[in-house]
Amino acid sequence: MTQARKIQQDRFQQEKIYSNAQMPPRLIRLHCEIGEDSRKHLEYAMTKMGLSARAYDRILKVSRTIADLDNSPPIQARHISEAIQYRSLDRNYWV
């Protein structure tokens, strides 16, 4: 986990934030690029679960954090899938 915090510290050293959770839309677009397959998977989940654009950004932020924990510079499909699972748990138990 310490390595993931270091990755985020380095990523945001020129910004006034210190974690992925604080990324505004501009930084999400910069640091949370995903491949076409991952994008289609995420869009399908968004439609199926009826999620908002705000939820889309949250899933990307969580995916970025999961990728950091995995020490993976690119966000991969498995990171997106895991973040979607967390989101569905959140909706099932807290809504």
C-alpha atoms as a PDB file:
ATOM      1  CA  MET A   1       0.000   0.000   0.000  1.00  0.00           C
ATOM      2  CA  THR A   2       2.895   2.341   0.702  1.00  0.00           C
ATOM      3  CA  GLN A   3       4.021   2.019  -2.918  1.00  0.00           C
ATOM      4  CA  ALA A   4       0.566   3.057  -4.156  1.00  0.00           C
ATOM      5  CA  ARG A   5       0.672   6.185  -1.956  1.00  0.00           C
ATOM      6  CA  LYS A   6       4.124   7.013  -3.381  1.00  0.00           C
ATOM      7  CA  ILE A   7       2.785   6.624  -6.929  1.00  0.00           C
ATOM      8  CA  GLN A   8      -0.037   9.054  -6.139  1.00  0.00           C
ATOM      9  CA  GLN A   9       2.320  11.495  -4.421  1.00  0.00           C
ATOM     10  CA  ASP A  10       4.522  11.543  -7.507  1.00  0.00           C
ATOM     11  CA  ARG A  11       1.535  11.844  -9.842  1.00  0.00           C
ATOM     12  CA  PHE A  12       0.124  14.871  -8.037  1.00  0.00           C
ATOM     13  CA  GLN A  13       3.293  16.670  -6.981  1.00  0.00           C
ATOM     14  CA  GLN A  14       2.412  19.641  -9.203  1.00  0.00           C
ATOM     15  CA  GLU A  15      -1.235  19.701  -8.092  1.00  0.00           C
ATOM     16  CA  LYS A  16      -2.976  20.799  -4.912  1.00  0.00           C
ATOM     17  CA  ILE A  17      -4.284  17.307  -4.257  1.00  0.00           C
ATOM     18  CA  TYR A  18      -2.670  14.194  -2.866  1.00  0.00           C
ATOM     19  CA  SER A  19      -4.870  11.232  -3.828  1.00  0.00           C
ATOM     20  CA  ASN A  20      -6.826   9.764  -6.730  1.00  0.00           C
ATOM     21  CA  ALA A  21     -10.077  10.353  -4.864  1.00  0.00           C
ATOM     22  CA  GLN A  22      -9.545  14.111  -5.112  1.00  0.00           C
ATOM     23  CA  MET A  23      -9.047  14.235  -8.889  1.00  0.00           C
ATOM     24  CA  PRO A  24     -11.218  16.773 -10.698  1.00  0.00           C
ATOM     25  CA  PRO A  25     -12.531  15.841 -14.186  1.00  0.00           C
ATOM     26  CA  ARG A  26      -9.490  17.358 -15.926  1.00  0.00           C
ATOM     27  CA  LEU A  27      -7.121  15.044 -14.053  1.00  0.00           C
ATOM     28  CA  ILE A  28      -9.419  12.039 -14.409  1.00  0.00           C
ATOM     29  CA  ARG A  29      -9.192  12.395 -18.188  1.00  0.00           C
ATOM     30  CA  LEU A  30      -5.408  12.729 -17.947  1.00  0.00           C
ATOM     31  CA  HIS A  31      -4.615   9.903 -15.512  1.00  0.00           C
ATOM     32  CA  CYS A  32      -7.474   7.448 -16.041  1.00  0.00           C
ATOM     33  CA  GLU A  33      -7.269   6.523 -19.693  1.00  0.00           C
ATOM     34  CA  ILE A  34      -8.712   3.113 -20.486  1.00  0.00           C
ATOM     35  CA  GLY A  35      -8.723   0.914 -23.570  1.00  0.00           C
ATOM     36  CA  GLU A  36     -11.680   0.467 -25.870  1.00  0.00           C
ATOM     37  CA  ASP A  37     -12.641  -2.930 -24.406  1.00  0.00           C
ATOM     38  CA  SER A  38     -12.577  -1.525 -20.874  1.00  0.00           C
ATOM     39  CA  ARG A  39     -14.606   1.489 -21.979  1.00  0.00           C
ATOM     40  CA  LYS A  40     -17.280  -0.749 -23.549  1.00  0.00           C
ATOM     41  CA  HIS A  41     -17.394  -2.907 -20.417  1.00  0.00           C
ATOM     42  CA  LEU A  42     -17.773   0.176 -18.225  1.00  0.00           C
ATOM     43  CA  GLU A  43     -20.466   1.684 -20.446  1.00  0.00           C
ATOM     44  CA  TYR A  44     -22.386  -1.603 -20.412  1.00  0.00           C
ATOM     45  CA  ALA A  45     -22.216  -1.698 -16.608  1.00  0.00           C
ATOM     46  CA  MET A  46     -23.318   1.937 -16.425  1.00  0.00           C
ATOM     47  CA  THR A  47     -26.357   1.211 -18.588  1.00  0.00           C
ATOM     48  CA  LYS A  48     -27.223  -2.055 -16.847  1.00  0.00           C
ATOM     49  CA  MET A  49     -26.886  -0.549 -13.357  1.00  0.00           C
ATOM     50  CA  GLY A  50     -28.403   2.830 -14.281  1.00  0.00           C
ATOM     51  CA  LEU A  51     -25.408   4.794 -13.032  1.00  0.00           C
ATOM     52  CA  SER A  52     -24.771   8.503 -13.523  1.00  0.00           C
ATOM     53  CA  ALA A  53     -21.846  10.336 -15.109  1.00  0.00           C
ATOM     54  CA  ARG A  54     -20.644  11.070 -11.585  1.00  0.00           C
ATOM     55  CA  ALA A  55     -20.557   7.326 -10.875  1.00  0.00           C
ATOM     56  CA  TYR A  56     -18.565   6.835 -14.099  1.00  0.00           C
ATOM     57  CA  ASP A  57     -15.895   9.216 -12.789  1.00  0.00           C
ATOM     58  CA  ARG A  58     -15.882   7.531  -9.382  1.00  0.00           C
ATOM     59  CA  ILE A  59     -15.374   4.122 -10.979  1.00  0.00           C
ATOM     60  CA  LEU A  60     -12.452   5.522 -12.973  1.00  0.00           C
ATOM     61  CA  LYS A  61     -10.877   6.955  -9.797  1.00  0.00           C
ATOM     62  CA  VAL A  62     -11.259   3.655  -7.957  1.00  0.00           C
ATOM     63  CA  SER A  63      -9.867   1.806 -10.992  1.00  0.00           C
ATOM     64  CA  ARG A  64      -6.844   4.112 -10.974  1.00  0.00           C
ATOM     65  CA  THR A  65      -6.275   3.321  -7.289  1.00  0.00           C
ATOM     66  CA  ILE A  66      -6.633  -0.429  -7.876  1.00  0.00           C
ATOM     67  CA  ALA A  67      -4.104  -0.168 -10.718  1.00  0.00           C
ATOM     68  CA  ASP A  68      -1.747   1.750  -8.402  1.00  0.00           C
ATOM     69  CA  LEU A  69      -2.086  -0.983  -5.761  1.00  0.00           C
ATOM     70  CA  ASP A  70      -1.313  -3.504  -8.505  1.00  0.00           C
ATOM     71  CA  ASN A  71       1.723  -1.369  -9.535  1.00  0.00           C
ATOM     72  CA  SER A  72       0.268  -1.169 -13.032  1.00  0.00           C
ATOM     73  CA  PRO A  73       0.737   2.125 -14.889  1.00  0.00           C
ATOM     74  CA  PRO A  74      -2.154   1.501 -17.298  1.00  0.00           C
ATOM     75  CA  ILE A  75      -5.639   0.819 -15.977  1.00  0.00           C
ATOM     76  CA  GLN A  76      -6.535  -2.654 -17.192  1.00  0.00           C
ATOM     77  CA  ALA A  77      -9.884  -4.360 -17.707  1.00  0.00           C
ATOM     78  CA  ARG A  78      -9.526  -6.290 -14.433  1.00  0.00           C
ATOM     79  CA  HIS A  79      -9.136  -2.998 -12.537  1.00  0.00           C
ATOM     80  CA  ILE A  80     -12.329  -1.650 -14.117  1.00  0.00           C
ATOM     81  CA  SER A  81     -14.180  -4.877 -13.282  1.00  0.00           C
ATOM     82  CA  GLU A  82     -13.093  -4.760  -9.651  1.00  0.00           C
ATOM     83  CA  ALA A  83     -14.153  -1.119  -9.307  1.00  0.00           C
ATOM     84  CA  ILE A  84     -17.558  -1.924 -10.834  1.00  0.00           C
ATOM     85  CA  GLN A  85     -17.985  -4.737  -8.309  1.00  0.00           C
ATOM     86  CA  TYR A  86     -17.272  -2.336  -5.455  1.00  0.00           C
ATOM     87  CA  ARG A  87     -19.798   0.092  -6.889  1.00  0.00           C
ATOM     88  CA  SER A  88     -22.473  -2.602  -7.117  1.00  0.00           C
ATOM     89  CA  LEU A  89     -21.791  -3.589  -3.495  1.00  0.00           C
ATOM     90  CA  ASP A  90     -22.097   0.060  -2.516  1.00  0.00           C
ATOM     91  CA  ARG A  91     -25.473   0.338  -4.235  1.00  0.00           C
ATOM     92  CA  ASN A  92     -26.771  -2.925  -2.776  1.00  0.00           C
ATOM     93  CA  TYR A  93     -25.923  -2.221   0.831  1.00  0.00           C
ATOM     94  CA  TRP A  94     -25.991   1.559   1.260  1.00  0.00           C
ATOM     95  CA  VAL A  95     -28.813   2.793  -0.922  1.00  0.00           C
END
